[in-house]
Amino acid sequence: MHRDTVEAPTDSFGAALRGYGWIGVLALILILLAGNLVGAILVVLWAWRSRTPPRELGLTPPMSWPATITLGVAIGISLKFIAKAIVLPLLGADPINHAYSYLIGNPAALPGILATVVVGGGVGEEIIWRGYLFERLAPLRRAGGAAAVLMVSTALFALAHYADQGWSGVQQALVTGLVFGGVFLATGRLWTGMIAHALFDVTAVLMIYWNAEEKVAHLIFH
């Protein structure tokens, strides 16, 4: 008795989204240009539609939440002070983040900006620039190694900060991009980087709010 076999229909659009043809490249450009919150939402939709497992974006649960949170907090706060007091002065960066000077002694603006940097920066940017972009750069990793992916992703991440923060923002993002990208490569998960990124930005906001940027920048180099 002959029985015809019926193949399951292929999801050509989902495959195209995950591929590197014009649809995949267009999705990449749209996500990178969409902004933190919208971009992160688009990544989630892209992953759902392309059937990309969460683990490939670094979204599997950590082995230990307490250890992940503790490490993330420690990295985020210490990295901000190291960047502000040592790295950025050595690079000749402006000690004042003029784009956010309106926050100095401005309690009305504080809750909104804190929510923005935690959700948009800590969560949104890590999903886009580490989770999604590292997945998209997988062929480069196979060809040139993890260091190549880290360099390319960090350069793109840094340039994305030029529009609102100028070259000082680019310099700072080069530092943070290398660290957060390195954390992602070491752990294979986004959670430590998300927490570190959020705490880095929160510390930066509080430095501005308390008008302490110049003091921290001159702690070592006067």
N, C-alpha and C. Protein backbone atom coordinates (compact mmCIF):
# COMPACT_ATOMS: atom_id res chain seq x y z
N MET A 1 0.86 -1.19 0.00
CA MET A 1 0.00 0.00 0.00
C MET A 1 0.88 1.23 0.00
N HIS A 2 0.63 2.14 -0.95
CA HIS A 2 1.45 3.34 -1.08
C HIS A 2 0.83 4.48 -0.27
N ARG A 3 1.68 5.17 0.49
CA ARG A 3 1.19 6.32 1.26
C ARG A 3 2.06 7.51 0.93
N ASP A 4 1.44 8.59 0.44
CA ASP A 4 2.20 9.79 0.12
C ASP A 4 2.70 10.45 1.41
N THR A 5 3.90 10.93 1.37
CA THR A 5 4.45 11.67 2.51
C THR A 5 4.29 13.15 2.26
N VAL A 6 3.85 13.82 3.28
CA VAL A 6 3.62 15.27 3.19
C VAL A 6 4.66 15.97 4.05
N GLU A 7 5.46 16.82 3.43
CA GLU A 7 6.47 17.55 4.19
C GLU A 7 5.83 18.73 4.92
N ALA A 8 6.35 18.99 6.10
CA ALA A 8 5.87 20.13 6.86
C ALA A 8 6.23 21.42 6.13
N PRO A 9 5.32 22.39 6.10
CA PRO A 9 5.61 23.64 5.41
C PRO A 9 6.78 24.36 6.07
N THR A 10 7.60 24.96 5.24
CA THR A 10 8.75 25.69 5.78
C THR A 10 8.36 27.14 6.04
N ASP A 11 8.96 27.70 7.05
CA ASP A 11 8.72 29.10 7.40
C ASP A 11 9.79 29.93 6.71
N SER A 12 9.54 30.31 5.49
CA SER A 12 10.55 31.00 4.70
C SER A 12 10.84 32.40 5.24
N PHE A 13 9.82 33.08 5.74
CA PHE A 13 10.04 34.44 6.26
C PHE A 13 10.85 34.40 7.56
N GLY A 14 10.51 33.45 8.44
CA GLY A 14 11.28 33.30 9.67
C GLY A 14 12.73 32.98 9.38
N ALA A 15 12.95 32.09 8.40
CA ALA A 15 14.32 31.76 8.01
C ALA A 15 15.04 32.96 7.43
N ALA A 16 14.30 33.78 6.65
CA ALA A 16 14.91 34.97 6.06
C ALA A 16 15.29 35.99 7.13
N LEU A 17 14.46 36.11 8.16
CA LEU A 17 14.78 37.03 9.25
C LEU A 17 16.08 36.64 9.95
N ARG A 18 16.29 35.35 10.07
CA ARG A 18 17.48 34.89 10.75
C ARG A 18 18.67 34.76 9.79
N GLY A 19 18.42 34.90 8.53
CA GLY A 19 19.48 34.80 7.55
C GLY A 19 20.21 36.12 7.37
N TYR A 20 21.00 36.20 6.31
CA TYR A 20 21.82 37.39 6.06
C TYR A 20 21.56 37.96 4.68
N GLY A 21 20.37 37.67 4.16
CA GLY A 21 19.92 38.30 2.94
C GLY A 21 19.37 39.68 3.24
N TRP A 22 18.64 40.26 2.28
CA TRP A 22 18.19 41.64 2.47
C TRP A 22 17.17 41.77 3.60
N ILE A 23 16.37 40.74 3.84
CA ILE A 23 15.39 40.81 4.93
C ILE A 23 16.10 40.80 6.28
N GLY A 24 17.06 39.91 6.44
CA GLY A 24 17.81 39.85 7.69
C GLY A 24 18.62 41.12 7.94
N VAL A 25 19.23 41.66 6.90
CA VAL A 25 20.02 42.89 7.04
C VAL A 25 19.11 44.08 7.34
N LEU A 26 17.96 44.15 6.68
CA LEU A 26 17.01 45.23 6.95
C LEU A 26 16.52 45.17 8.40
N ALA A 27 16.23 43.96 8.89
CA ALA A 27 15.81 43.81 10.29
C ALA A 27 16.92 44.28 11.22
N LEU A 28 18.16 43.94 10.92
CA LEU A 28 19.30 44.36 11.73
C LEU A 28 19.40 45.88 11.78
N ILE A 29 19.30 46.53 10.64
CA ILE A 29 19.41 47.99 10.59
C ILE A 29 18.27 48.65 11.37
N LEU A 30 17.05 48.16 11.17
CA LEU A 30 15.90 48.74 11.87
C LEU A 30 16.05 48.61 13.37
N ILE A 31 16.50 47.45 13.84
CA ILE A 31 16.64 47.23 15.28
C ILE A 31 17.71 48.13 15.87
N LEU A 32 18.85 48.26 15.18
CA LEU A 32 19.94 49.07 15.71
C LEU A 32 19.62 50.56 15.70
N LEU A 33 18.73 50.98 14.81
CA LEU A 33 18.39 52.40 14.71
C LEU A 33 17.12 52.78 15.46
N ALA A 34 16.42 51.79 16.01
CA ALA A 34 15.09 52.04 16.57
C ALA A 34 15.11 52.70 17.94
N GLY A 35 16.24 52.67 18.63
CA GLY A 35 16.27 53.18 20.00
C GLY A 35 16.19 52.03 20.99
N ASN A 36 16.48 52.34 22.24
CA ASN A 36 16.62 51.28 23.24
C ASN A 36 15.35 50.48 23.48
N LEU A 37 14.26 51.15 23.79
CA LEU A 37 13.04 50.44 24.16
C LEU A 37 12.39 49.78 22.94
N VAL A 38 12.21 50.56 21.88
CA VAL A 38 11.60 50.00 20.67
C VAL A 38 12.49 48.92 20.08
N GLY A 39 13.80 49.15 20.09
CA GLY A 39 14.73 48.16 19.55
C GLY A 39 14.67 46.85 20.30
N ALA A 40 14.59 46.92 21.63
CA ALA A 40 14.51 45.70 22.44
C ALA A 40 13.23 44.94 22.16
N ILE A 41 12.13 45.68 22.00
CA ILE A 41 10.85 45.03 21.66
C ILE A 41 10.95 44.35 20.30
N LEU A 42 11.59 45.03 19.35
CA LEU A 42 11.77 44.45 18.03
C LEU A 42 12.63 43.19 18.08
N VAL A 43 13.63 43.17 18.96
CA VAL A 43 14.46 41.97 19.11
C VAL A 43 13.60 40.81 19.59
N VAL A 44 12.74 41.07 20.57
CA VAL A 44 11.86 40.01 21.08
C VAL A 44 10.96 39.49 19.96
N LEU A 45 10.39 40.41 19.18
CA LEU A 45 9.54 40.00 18.06
C LEU A 45 10.34 39.25 17.00
N TRP A 46 11.56 39.73 16.74
CA TRP A 46 12.43 39.04 15.78
C TRP A 46 12.73 37.61 16.24
N ALA A 47 13.04 37.47 17.52
CA ALA A 47 13.36 36.14 18.05
C ALA A 47 12.15 35.21 17.96
N TRP A 48 10.97 35.75 18.27
CA TRP A 48 9.75 34.94 18.20
C TRP A 48 9.45 34.53 16.76
N ARG A 49 9.54 35.49 15.84
CA ARG A 49 9.18 35.20 14.45
C ARG A 49 10.22 34.35 13.74
N SER A 50 11.49 34.52 14.11
CA SER A 50 12.55 33.73 13.47
C SER A 50 12.82 32.42 14.20
N ARG A 51 12.06 32.20 15.29
CA ARG A 51 12.20 30.98 16.09
C ARG A 51 13.62 30.83 16.65
N THR A 52 14.17 31.94 17.08
CA THR A 52 15.50 31.93 17.71
C THR A 52 15.34 31.63 19.19
N PRO A 53 15.95 30.58 19.70
CA PRO A 53 15.81 30.23 21.13
C PRO A 53 16.35 31.34 22.03
N PRO A 54 15.71 31.59 23.16
CA PRO A 54 16.19 32.63 24.09
C PRO A 54 17.64 32.44 24.50
N ARG A 55 18.10 31.19 24.59
CA ARG A 55 19.48 30.96 25.02
C ARG A 55 20.49 31.57 24.06
N GLU A 56 20.11 31.70 22.77
CA GLU A 56 21.03 32.26 21.79
C GLU A 56 21.14 33.77 21.91
N LEU A 57 20.25 34.35 22.70
CA LEU A 57 20.32 35.78 23.01
C LEU A 57 20.83 36.02 24.42
N GLY A 58 21.23 34.94 25.09
CA GLY A 58 21.74 35.07 26.46
C GLY A 58 20.67 35.21 27.51
N LEU A 59 19.46 34.76 27.22
CA LEU A 59 18.34 34.96 28.13
C LEU A 59 17.95 33.71 28.91
N THR A 60 18.84 32.76 29.03
CA THR A 60 18.58 31.63 29.92
C THR A 60 18.84 32.06 31.36
N PRO A 61 18.11 31.48 32.32
CA PRO A 61 18.28 31.89 33.72
C PRO A 61 19.71 31.66 34.22
N PRO A 62 20.18 32.52 35.11
CA PRO A 62 21.53 32.33 35.65
C PRO A 62 21.59 31.15 36.60
N MET A 63 22.78 30.67 36.86
CA MET A 63 22.92 29.55 37.79
C MET A 63 22.62 29.97 39.22
N SER A 64 22.89 31.25 39.53
CA SER A 64 22.63 31.77 40.88
C SER A 64 22.24 33.23 40.77
N TRP A 65 20.99 33.54 41.12
CA TRP A 65 20.57 34.94 41.08
C TRP A 65 21.32 35.80 42.09
N PRO A 66 21.48 35.37 43.35
CA PRO A 66 22.23 36.22 44.30
C PRO A 66 23.64 36.55 43.81
N ALA A 67 24.36 35.55 43.29
CA ALA A 67 25.71 35.79 42.80
C ALA A 67 25.69 36.72 41.59
N THR A 68 24.72 36.53 40.69
CA THR A 68 24.62 37.36 39.50
C THR A 68 24.33 38.81 39.86
N ILE A 69 23.40 39.01 40.80
CA ILE A 69 23.06 40.38 41.22
C ILE A 69 24.23 41.05 41.92
N THR A 70 24.86 40.32 42.82
CA THR A 70 26.00 40.89 43.56
C THR A 70 27.14 41.28 42.62
N LEU A 71 27.46 40.38 41.69
CA LEU A 71 28.54 40.67 40.74
C LEU A 71 28.17 41.84 39.83
N GLY A 72 26.93 41.86 39.36
CA GLY A 72 26.50 42.95 38.49
C GLY A 72 26.56 44.30 39.17
N VAL A 73 26.09 44.37 40.42
CA VAL A 73 26.14 45.63 41.18
C VAL A 73 27.58 46.08 41.38
N ALA A 74 28.44 45.14 41.76
CA ALA A 74 29.85 45.49 42.01
C ALA A 74 30.53 45.99 40.74
N ILE A 75 30.30 45.30 39.63
CA ILE A 75 30.91 45.72 38.36
C ILE A 75 30.39 47.09 37.94
N GLY A 76 29.10 47.28 38.00
CA GLY A 76 28.51 48.53 37.53
C GLY A 76 28.99 49.75 38.27
N ILE A 77 28.96 49.70 39.59
CA ILE A 77 29.35 50.87 40.39
C ILE A 77 30.85 51.12 40.28
N SER A 78 31.66 50.07 40.44
CA SER A 78 33.11 50.25 40.38
C SER A 78 33.56 50.70 39.00
N LEU A 79 32.93 50.17 37.95
CA LEU A 79 33.32 50.55 36.59
C LEU A 79 33.06 52.04 36.34
N LYS A 80 31.97 52.56 36.86
CA LYS A 80 31.69 53.99 36.67
C LYS A 80 32.78 54.84 37.31
N PHE A 81 33.18 54.51 38.51
CA PHE A 81 34.22 55.30 39.19
C PHE A 81 35.57 55.15 38.49
N ILE A 82 35.88 53.93 38.05
CA ILE A 82 37.15 53.71 37.35
C ILE A 82 37.17 54.49 36.03
N ALA A 83 36.06 54.43 35.30
CA ALA A 83 35.98 55.14 34.03
C ALA A 83 36.08 56.65 34.23
N LYS A 84 35.36 57.15 35.22
CA LYS A 84 35.29 58.59 35.44
C LYS A 84 36.58 59.14 36.02
N ALA A 85 37.21 58.40 36.92
CA ALA A 85 38.38 58.92 37.63
C ALA A 85 39.70 58.58 36.96
N ILE A 86 39.73 57.53 36.13
CA ILE A 86 41.01 57.08 35.57
C ILE A 86 40.99 57.05 34.04
N VAL A 87 40.11 56.23 33.48
CA VAL A 87 40.16 55.97 32.04
C VAL A 87 39.83 57.21 31.21
N LEU A 88 38.71 57.86 31.50
CA LEU A 88 38.30 59.01 30.70
C LEU A 88 39.25 60.20 30.83
N PRO A 89 39.77 60.51 32.04
CA PRO A 89 40.78 61.57 32.11
C PRO A 89 42.02 61.26 31.28
N LEU A 90 42.44 59.99 31.25
CA LEU A 90 43.59 59.62 30.44
C LEU A 90 43.31 59.79 28.95
N LEU A 91 42.05 59.64 28.56
CA LEU A 91 41.66 59.83 27.17
C LEU A 91 41.38 61.29 26.82
N GLY A 92 41.45 62.15 27.83
CA GLY A 92 41.20 63.57 27.61
C GLY A 92 39.74 63.93 27.46
N ALA A 93 38.86 63.11 27.99
CA ALA A 93 37.42 63.36 27.86
C ALA A 93 36.98 64.50 28.76
N ASP A 94 35.96 65.19 28.33
CA ASP A 94 35.34 66.26 29.12
C ASP A 94 34.76 65.63 30.39
N PRO A 95 35.11 66.16 31.57
CA PRO A 95 34.58 65.57 32.80
C PRO A 95 33.09 65.78 33.00
N ILE A 96 32.51 66.71 32.27
CA ILE A 96 31.09 67.03 32.41
C ILE A 96 30.29 66.43 31.26
N ASN A 97 29.23 65.73 31.59
CA ASN A 97 28.32 65.21 30.58
C ASN A 97 27.26 66.29 30.34
N HIS A 98 27.54 67.18 29.39
CA HIS A 98 26.70 68.35 29.18
C HIS A 98 25.29 67.99 28.73
N ALA A 99 25.12 66.86 28.08
CA ALA A 99 23.79 66.48 27.60
C ALA A 99 22.82 66.26 28.75
N TYR A 100 23.34 65.97 29.93
CA TYR A 100 22.47 65.67 31.07
C TYR A 100 22.69 66.63 32.23
N SER A 101 23.25 67.80 31.95
CA SER A 101 23.49 68.78 33.02
C SER A 101 22.19 69.29 33.63
N TYR A 102 21.09 69.16 32.90
CA TYR A 102 19.81 69.59 33.44
C TYR A 102 19.40 68.81 34.69
N LEU A 103 20.06 67.68 34.94
CA LEU A 103 19.73 66.85 36.10
C LEU A 103 20.32 67.39 37.40
N ILE A 104 21.28 68.30 37.31
CA ILE A 104 21.96 68.79 38.52
C ILE A 104 20.94 69.41 39.47
N GLY A 105 20.83 68.83 40.66
CA GLY A 105 19.92 69.35 41.68
C GLY A 105 18.47 69.45 41.22
N ASN A 106 18.05 68.54 40.33
CA ASN A 106 16.71 68.60 39.76
C ASN A 106 15.92 67.36 40.18
N PRO A 107 15.30 67.39 41.37
CA PRO A 107 14.59 66.19 41.85
C PRO A 107 13.39 65.81 41.00
N ALA A 108 12.79 66.77 40.31
CA ALA A 108 11.63 66.45 39.47
C ALA A 108 12.01 65.55 38.30
N ALA A 109 13.25 65.70 37.80
CA ALA A 109 13.67 64.92 36.64
C ALA A 109 14.29 63.58 37.02
N LEU A 110 14.60 63.40 38.30
CA LEU A 110 15.35 62.22 38.73
C LEU A 110 14.59 60.90 38.54
N PRO A 111 13.33 60.76 38.97
CA PRO A 111 12.66 59.46 38.82
C PRO A 111 12.57 59.01 37.36
N GLY A 112 12.25 59.93 36.48
CA GLY A 112 12.10 59.57 35.07
C GLY A 112 13.39 59.10 34.44
N ILE A 113 14.48 59.82 34.72
CA ILE A 113 15.76 59.43 34.10
C ILE A 113 16.28 58.14 34.70
N LEU A 114 16.03 57.90 35.98
CA LEU A 114 16.45 56.63 36.59
C LEU A 114 15.71 55.45 35.96
N ALA A 115 14.41 55.62 35.75
CA ALA A 115 13.64 54.56 35.10
C ALA A 115 14.13 54.34 33.67
N THR A 116 14.46 55.43 32.99
CA THR A 116 14.92 55.34 31.61
C THR A 116 16.24 54.59 31.50
N VAL A 117 17.20 54.92 32.39
CA VAL A 117 18.52 54.27 32.26
C VAL A 117 18.47 52.81 32.71
N VAL A 118 17.60 52.49 33.66
CA VAL A 118 17.50 51.10 34.09
C VAL A 118 16.84 50.24 33.02
N VAL A 119 15.69 50.70 32.52
CA VAL A 119 14.95 49.91 31.54
C VAL A 119 15.56 50.05 30.15
N GLY A 120 15.79 51.29 29.73
CA GLY A 120 16.31 51.51 28.38
C GLY A 120 17.77 51.14 28.24
N GLY A 121 18.58 51.52 29.24
CA GLY A 121 20.00 51.22 29.19
C GLY A 121 20.32 49.81 29.64
N GLY A 122 20.00 49.53 30.90
CA GLY A 122 20.35 48.23 31.46
C GLY A 122 19.72 47.05 30.75
N VAL A 123 18.44 47.16 30.45
CA VAL A 123 17.74 46.05 29.80
C VAL A 123 17.80 46.19 28.28
N GLY A 124 17.32 47.33 27.77
CA GLY A 124 17.20 47.50 26.33
C GLY A 124 18.52 47.41 25.58
N GLU A 125 19.52 48.17 26.03
CA GLU A 125 20.79 48.17 25.31
C GLU A 125 21.49 46.82 25.37
N GLU A 126 21.39 46.14 26.48
CA GLU A 126 22.04 44.83 26.56
C GLU A 126 21.38 43.81 25.65
N ILE A 127 20.05 43.86 25.56
CA ILE A 127 19.36 42.95 24.64
C ILE A 127 19.77 43.23 23.20
N ILE A 128 19.87 44.51 22.84
CA ILE A 128 20.19 44.88 21.46
C ILE A 128 21.66 44.65 21.14
N TRP A 129 22.55 45.30 21.91
CA TRP A 129 23.96 45.39 21.54
C TRP A 129 24.79 44.18 21.97
N ARG A 130 24.32 43.44 22.92
CA ARG A 130 25.03 42.22 23.30
C ARG A 130 24.25 40.98 22.84
N GLY A 131 23.06 40.76 23.36
CA GLY A 131 22.32 39.55 23.01
C GLY A 131 22.05 39.41 21.53
N TYR A 132 21.37 40.39 20.94
CA TYR A 132 20.99 40.30 19.52
C TYR A 132 22.20 40.44 18.60
N LEU A 133 23.02 41.48 18.82
CA LEU A 133 24.11 41.74 17.88
C LEU A 133 25.16 40.63 17.92
N PHE A 134 25.43 40.08 19.09
CA PHE A 134 26.38 38.96 19.16
C PHE A 134 25.85 37.75 18.39
N GLU A 135 24.53 37.54 18.46
CA GLU A 135 23.95 36.43 17.69
C GLU A 135 24.07 36.69 16.20
N ARG A 136 23.85 37.93 15.78
CA ARG A 136 23.95 38.28 14.37
C ARG A 136 25.39 38.21 13.86
N LEU A 137 26.34 38.43 14.76
CA LEU A 137 27.75 38.41 14.37
C LEU A 137 28.38 37.02 14.54
N ALA A 138 27.55 36.00 14.70
CA ALA A 138 28.08 34.64 14.89
C ALA A 138 29.01 34.21 13.76
N PRO A 139 28.72 34.52 12.48
CA PRO A 139 29.67 34.14 11.43
C PRO A 139 31.04 34.80 11.60
N LEU A 140 31.05 36.04 12.06
CA LEU A 140 32.33 36.72 12.31
C LEU A 140 33.08 36.04 13.45
N ARG A 141 32.34 35.58 14.46
CA ARG A 141 32.99 34.88 15.57
C ARG A 141 33.63 33.58 15.09
N ARG A 142 32.94 32.87 14.19
CA ARG A 142 33.51 31.63 13.68
C ARG A 142 34.74 31.89 12.81
N ALA A 143 34.73 33.03 12.11
CA ALA A 143 35.84 33.34 11.21
C ALA A 143 37.00 34.02 11.92
N GLY A 144 36.69 34.96 12.81
CA GLY A 144 37.75 35.75 13.43
C GLY A 144 37.89 35.60 14.92
N GLY A 145 36.97 34.86 15.54
CA GLY A 145 37.06 34.65 16.97
C GLY A 145 36.21 35.63 17.77
N ALA A 146 36.11 35.37 19.07
CA ALA A 146 35.28 36.19 19.95
C ALA A 146 35.77 37.63 20.01
N ALA A 147 37.09 37.83 19.94
CA ALA A 147 37.65 39.18 20.03
C ALA A 147 37.14 40.06 18.89
N ALA A 148 36.99 39.48 17.70
CA ALA A 148 36.49 40.25 16.55
C ALA A 148 35.06 40.71 16.78
N VAL A 149 34.23 39.83 17.31
CA VAL A 149 32.85 40.19 17.62
C VAL A 149 32.81 41.27 18.68
N LEU A 150 33.64 41.14 19.69
CA LEU A 150 33.67 42.12 20.77
C LEU A 150 34.07 43.50 20.23
N MET A 151 35.06 43.55 19.37
CA MET A 151 35.52 44.82 18.81
C MET A 151 34.45 45.48 17.95
N VAL A 152 33.86 44.70 17.06
CA VAL A 152 32.85 45.26 16.15
C VAL A 152 31.63 45.74 16.93
N SER A 153 31.13 44.92 17.83
CA SER A 153 29.93 45.29 18.60
C SER A 153 30.21 46.51 19.47
N THR A 154 31.40 46.59 20.05
CA THR A 154 31.75 47.73 20.89
C THR A 154 31.84 49.01 20.08
N ALA A 155 32.42 48.93 18.88
CA ALA A 155 32.54 50.10 18.02
C ALA A 155 31.16 50.63 17.63
N LEU A 156 30.25 49.73 17.24
CA LEU A 156 28.91 50.15 16.87
C LEU A 156 28.15 50.73 18.06
N PHE A 157 28.29 50.08 19.21
CA PHE A 157 27.65 50.55 20.44
C PHE A 157 28.15 51.94 20.80
N ALA A 158 29.45 52.17 20.68
CA ALA A 158 30.03 53.47 21.02
C ALA A 158 29.54 54.55 20.08
N LEU A 159 29.53 54.27 18.78
CA LEU A 159 29.09 55.26 17.80
C LEU A 159 27.62 55.64 18.00
N ALA A 160 26.83 54.73 18.51
CA ALA A 160 25.42 55.02 18.76
C ALA A 160 25.23 56.08 19.83
N HIS A 161 26.27 56.36 20.61
CA HIS A 161 26.18 57.35 21.68
C HIS A 161 26.62 58.75 21.24
N TYR A 162 27.06 58.86 19.99
CA TYR A 162 27.59 60.15 19.55
C TYR A 162 26.49 61.20 19.43
N ALA A 163 25.33 60.81 18.94
CA ALA A 163 24.27 61.78 18.63
C ALA A 163 23.87 62.60 19.84
N ASP A 164 23.76 61.98 21.01
CA ASP A 164 23.29 62.72 22.18
C ASP A 164 24.37 63.07 23.19
N GLN A 165 25.55 62.42 23.10
CA GLN A 165 26.58 62.68 24.10
C GLN A 165 27.93 63.10 23.52
N GLY A 166 28.05 63.16 22.21
CA GLY A 166 29.30 63.60 21.60
C GLY A 166 30.42 62.59 21.78
N TRP A 167 31.67 63.06 21.53
CA TRP A 167 32.81 62.15 21.59
C TRP A 167 33.09 61.64 22.99
N SER A 168 32.76 62.42 24.01
CA SER A 168 32.94 61.93 25.38
C SER A 168 32.05 60.72 25.64
N GLY A 169 30.84 60.77 25.10
CA GLY A 169 29.94 59.62 25.23
C GLY A 169 30.45 58.42 24.46
N VAL A 170 31.05 58.67 23.30
CA VAL A 170 31.63 57.58 22.53
C VAL A 170 32.78 56.94 23.29
N GLN A 171 33.65 57.76 23.88
CA GLN A 171 34.79 57.24 24.64
C GLN A 171 34.32 56.39 25.82
N GLN A 172 33.33 56.87 26.54
CA GLN A 172 32.82 56.11 27.68
C GLN A 172 32.18 54.81 27.22
N ALA A 173 31.43 54.86 26.11
CA ALA A 173 30.76 53.66 25.60
C ALA A 173 31.77 52.63 25.09
N LEU A 174 32.93 53.09 24.63
CA LEU A 174 33.97 52.14 24.24
C LEU A 174 34.42 51.33 25.45
N VAL A 175 34.57 52.01 26.58
CA VAL A 175 34.99 51.33 27.81
C VAL A 175 33.91 50.35 28.28
N THR A 176 32.68 50.85 28.39
CA THR A 176 31.61 50.01 28.90
C THR A 176 31.27 48.88 27.93
N GLY A 177 31.33 49.16 26.63
CA GLY A 177 31.04 48.13 25.65
C GLY A 177 32.01 46.96 25.73
N LEU A 178 33.29 47.28 25.93
CA LEU A 178 34.28 46.21 26.09
C LEU A 178 34.02 45.38 27.34
N VAL A 179 33.68 46.06 28.43
CA VAL A 179 33.46 45.35 29.70
C VAL A 179 32.17 44.52 29.64
N PHE A 180 31.07 45.14 29.25
CA PHE A 180 29.80 44.41 29.21
C PHE A 180 29.83 43.30 28.17
N GLY A 181 30.48 43.56 27.04
CA GLY A 181 30.63 42.51 26.04
C GLY A 181 31.50 41.37 26.53
N GLY A 182 32.56 41.71 27.26
CA GLY A 182 33.42 40.68 27.84
C GLY A 182 32.69 39.83 28.87
N VAL A 183 31.84 40.49 29.67
CA VAL A 183 31.03 39.77 30.66
C VAL A 183 30.09 38.80 29.96
N PHE A 184 29.48 39.25 28.87
CA PHE A 184 28.56 38.39 28.12
C PHE A 184 29.29 37.19 27.52
N LEU A 185 30.48 37.43 26.97
CA LEU A 185 31.26 36.33 26.41
C LEU A 185 31.66 35.34 27.50
N ALA A 186 31.99 35.84 28.68
CA ALA A 186 32.45 34.98 29.76
C ALA A 186 31.33 34.15 30.37
N THR A 187 30.12 34.73 30.46
CA THR A 187 29.02 34.05 31.14
C THR A 187 28.04 33.39 30.18
N GLY A 188 27.95 33.90 28.95
CA GLY A 188 26.96 33.39 28.01
C GLY A 188 25.54 33.82 28.34
N ARG A 189 25.41 34.74 29.29
CA ARG A 189 24.10 35.23 29.71
C ARG A 189 24.13 36.75 29.83
N LEU A 190 22.95 37.36 29.68
CA LEU A 190 22.87 38.82 29.71
C LEU A 190 22.68 39.40 31.10
N TRP A 191 22.28 38.59 32.07
CA TRP A 191 21.80 39.14 33.33
C TRP A 191 22.85 39.94 34.10
N THR A 192 24.07 39.44 34.19
CA THR A 192 25.11 40.18 34.91
C THR A 192 25.38 41.51 34.22
N GLY A 193 25.46 41.49 32.90
CA GLY A 193 25.68 42.72 32.15
C GLY A 193 24.53 43.69 32.28
N MET A 194 23.30 43.18 32.29
CA MET A 194 22.13 44.05 32.47
C MET A 194 22.20 44.79 33.80
N ILE A 195 22.48 44.04 34.86
CA ILE A 195 22.54 44.65 36.19
C ILE A 195 23.71 45.62 36.28
N ALA A 196 24.86 45.22 35.75
CA ALA A 196 26.03 46.10 35.77
C ALA A 196 25.77 47.38 34.98
N HIS A 197 25.16 47.23 33.82
CA HIS A 197 24.85 48.39 32.97
C HIS A 197 23.89 49.33 33.68
N ALA A 198 22.85 48.76 34.28
CA ALA A 198 21.88 49.59 35.00
C ALA A 198 22.53 50.34 36.15
N LEU A 199 23.36 49.66 36.92
CA LEU A 199 24.02 50.31 38.06
C LEU A 199 25.06 51.32 37.61
N PHE A 200 25.73 51.06 36.51
CA PHE A 200 26.66 52.03 35.94
C PHE A 200 25.92 53.32 35.62
N ASP A 201 24.78 53.19 34.93
CA ASP A 201 24.02 54.37 34.53
C ASP A 201 23.40 55.08 35.72
N VAL A 202 22.92 54.32 36.69
CA VAL A 202 22.35 54.93 37.90
C VAL A 202 23.42 55.72 38.64
N THR A 203 24.61 55.15 38.76
CA THR A 203 25.71 55.85 39.42
C THR A 203 26.06 57.12 38.65
N ALA A 204 26.07 57.04 37.32
CA ALA A 204 26.37 58.21 36.50
C ALA A 204 25.32 59.31 36.71
N VAL A 205 24.06 58.93 36.76
CA VAL A 205 22.98 59.90 36.98
C VAL A 205 23.13 60.58 38.33
N LEU A 206 23.43 59.79 39.36
CA LEU A 206 23.57 60.37 40.70
C LEU A 206 24.78 61.28 40.80
N MET A 207 25.86 60.95 40.10
CA MET A 207 27.02 61.85 40.05
C MET A 207 26.62 63.21 39.48
N ILE A 208 25.83 63.17 38.41
CA ILE A 208 25.39 64.42 37.79
C ILE A 208 24.43 65.16 38.72
N TYR A 209 23.49 64.44 39.28
CA TYR A 209 22.48 65.06 40.15
C TYR A 209 23.14 65.77 41.34
N TRP A 210 24.15 65.14 41.93
CA TRP A 210 24.86 65.74 43.06
C TRP A 210 26.00 66.66 42.64
N ASN A 211 26.11 66.91 41.35
CA ASN A 211 27.13 67.80 40.79
C ASN A 211 28.54 67.36 41.21
N ALA A 212 28.76 66.04 41.12
CA ALA A 212 30.03 65.48 41.60
C ALA A 212 30.93 64.99 40.47
N GLU A 213 30.57 65.25 39.22
CA GLU A 213 31.35 64.71 38.11
C GLU A 213 32.80 65.21 38.12
N GLU A 214 32.98 66.51 38.27
CA GLU A 214 34.34 67.05 38.24
C GLU A 214 35.15 66.55 39.43
N LYS A 215 34.52 66.46 40.58
CA LYS A 215 35.25 65.98 41.76
C LYS A 215 35.75 64.57 41.55
N VAL A 216 34.91 63.69 41.02
CA VAL A 216 35.32 62.31 40.77
C VAL A 216 36.39 62.25 39.68
N ALA A 217 36.21 63.07 38.63
CA ALA A 217 37.17 63.08 37.53
C ALA A 217 38.55 63.55 37.96
N HIS A 218 38.60 64.33 39.05
CA HIS A 218 39.89 64.86 39.53
C HIS A 218 40.37 64.19 40.81
N LEU A 219 39.80 63.05 41.12
CA LEU A 219 40.24 62.33 42.32
C LEU A 219 41.71 61.93 42.23
N ILE A 220 42.14 61.55 41.03
CA ILE A 220 43.53 61.08 40.83
C ILE A 220 44.33 62.08 40.00
N PHE A 221 43.74 62.52 38.90
CA PHE A 221 44.44 63.45 38.00
C PHE A 221 43.90 64.87 38.23
N HIS A 222 44.71 65.71 38.80
CA HIS A 222 44.28 67.08 39.13
C HIS A 222 44.65 68.04 38.01
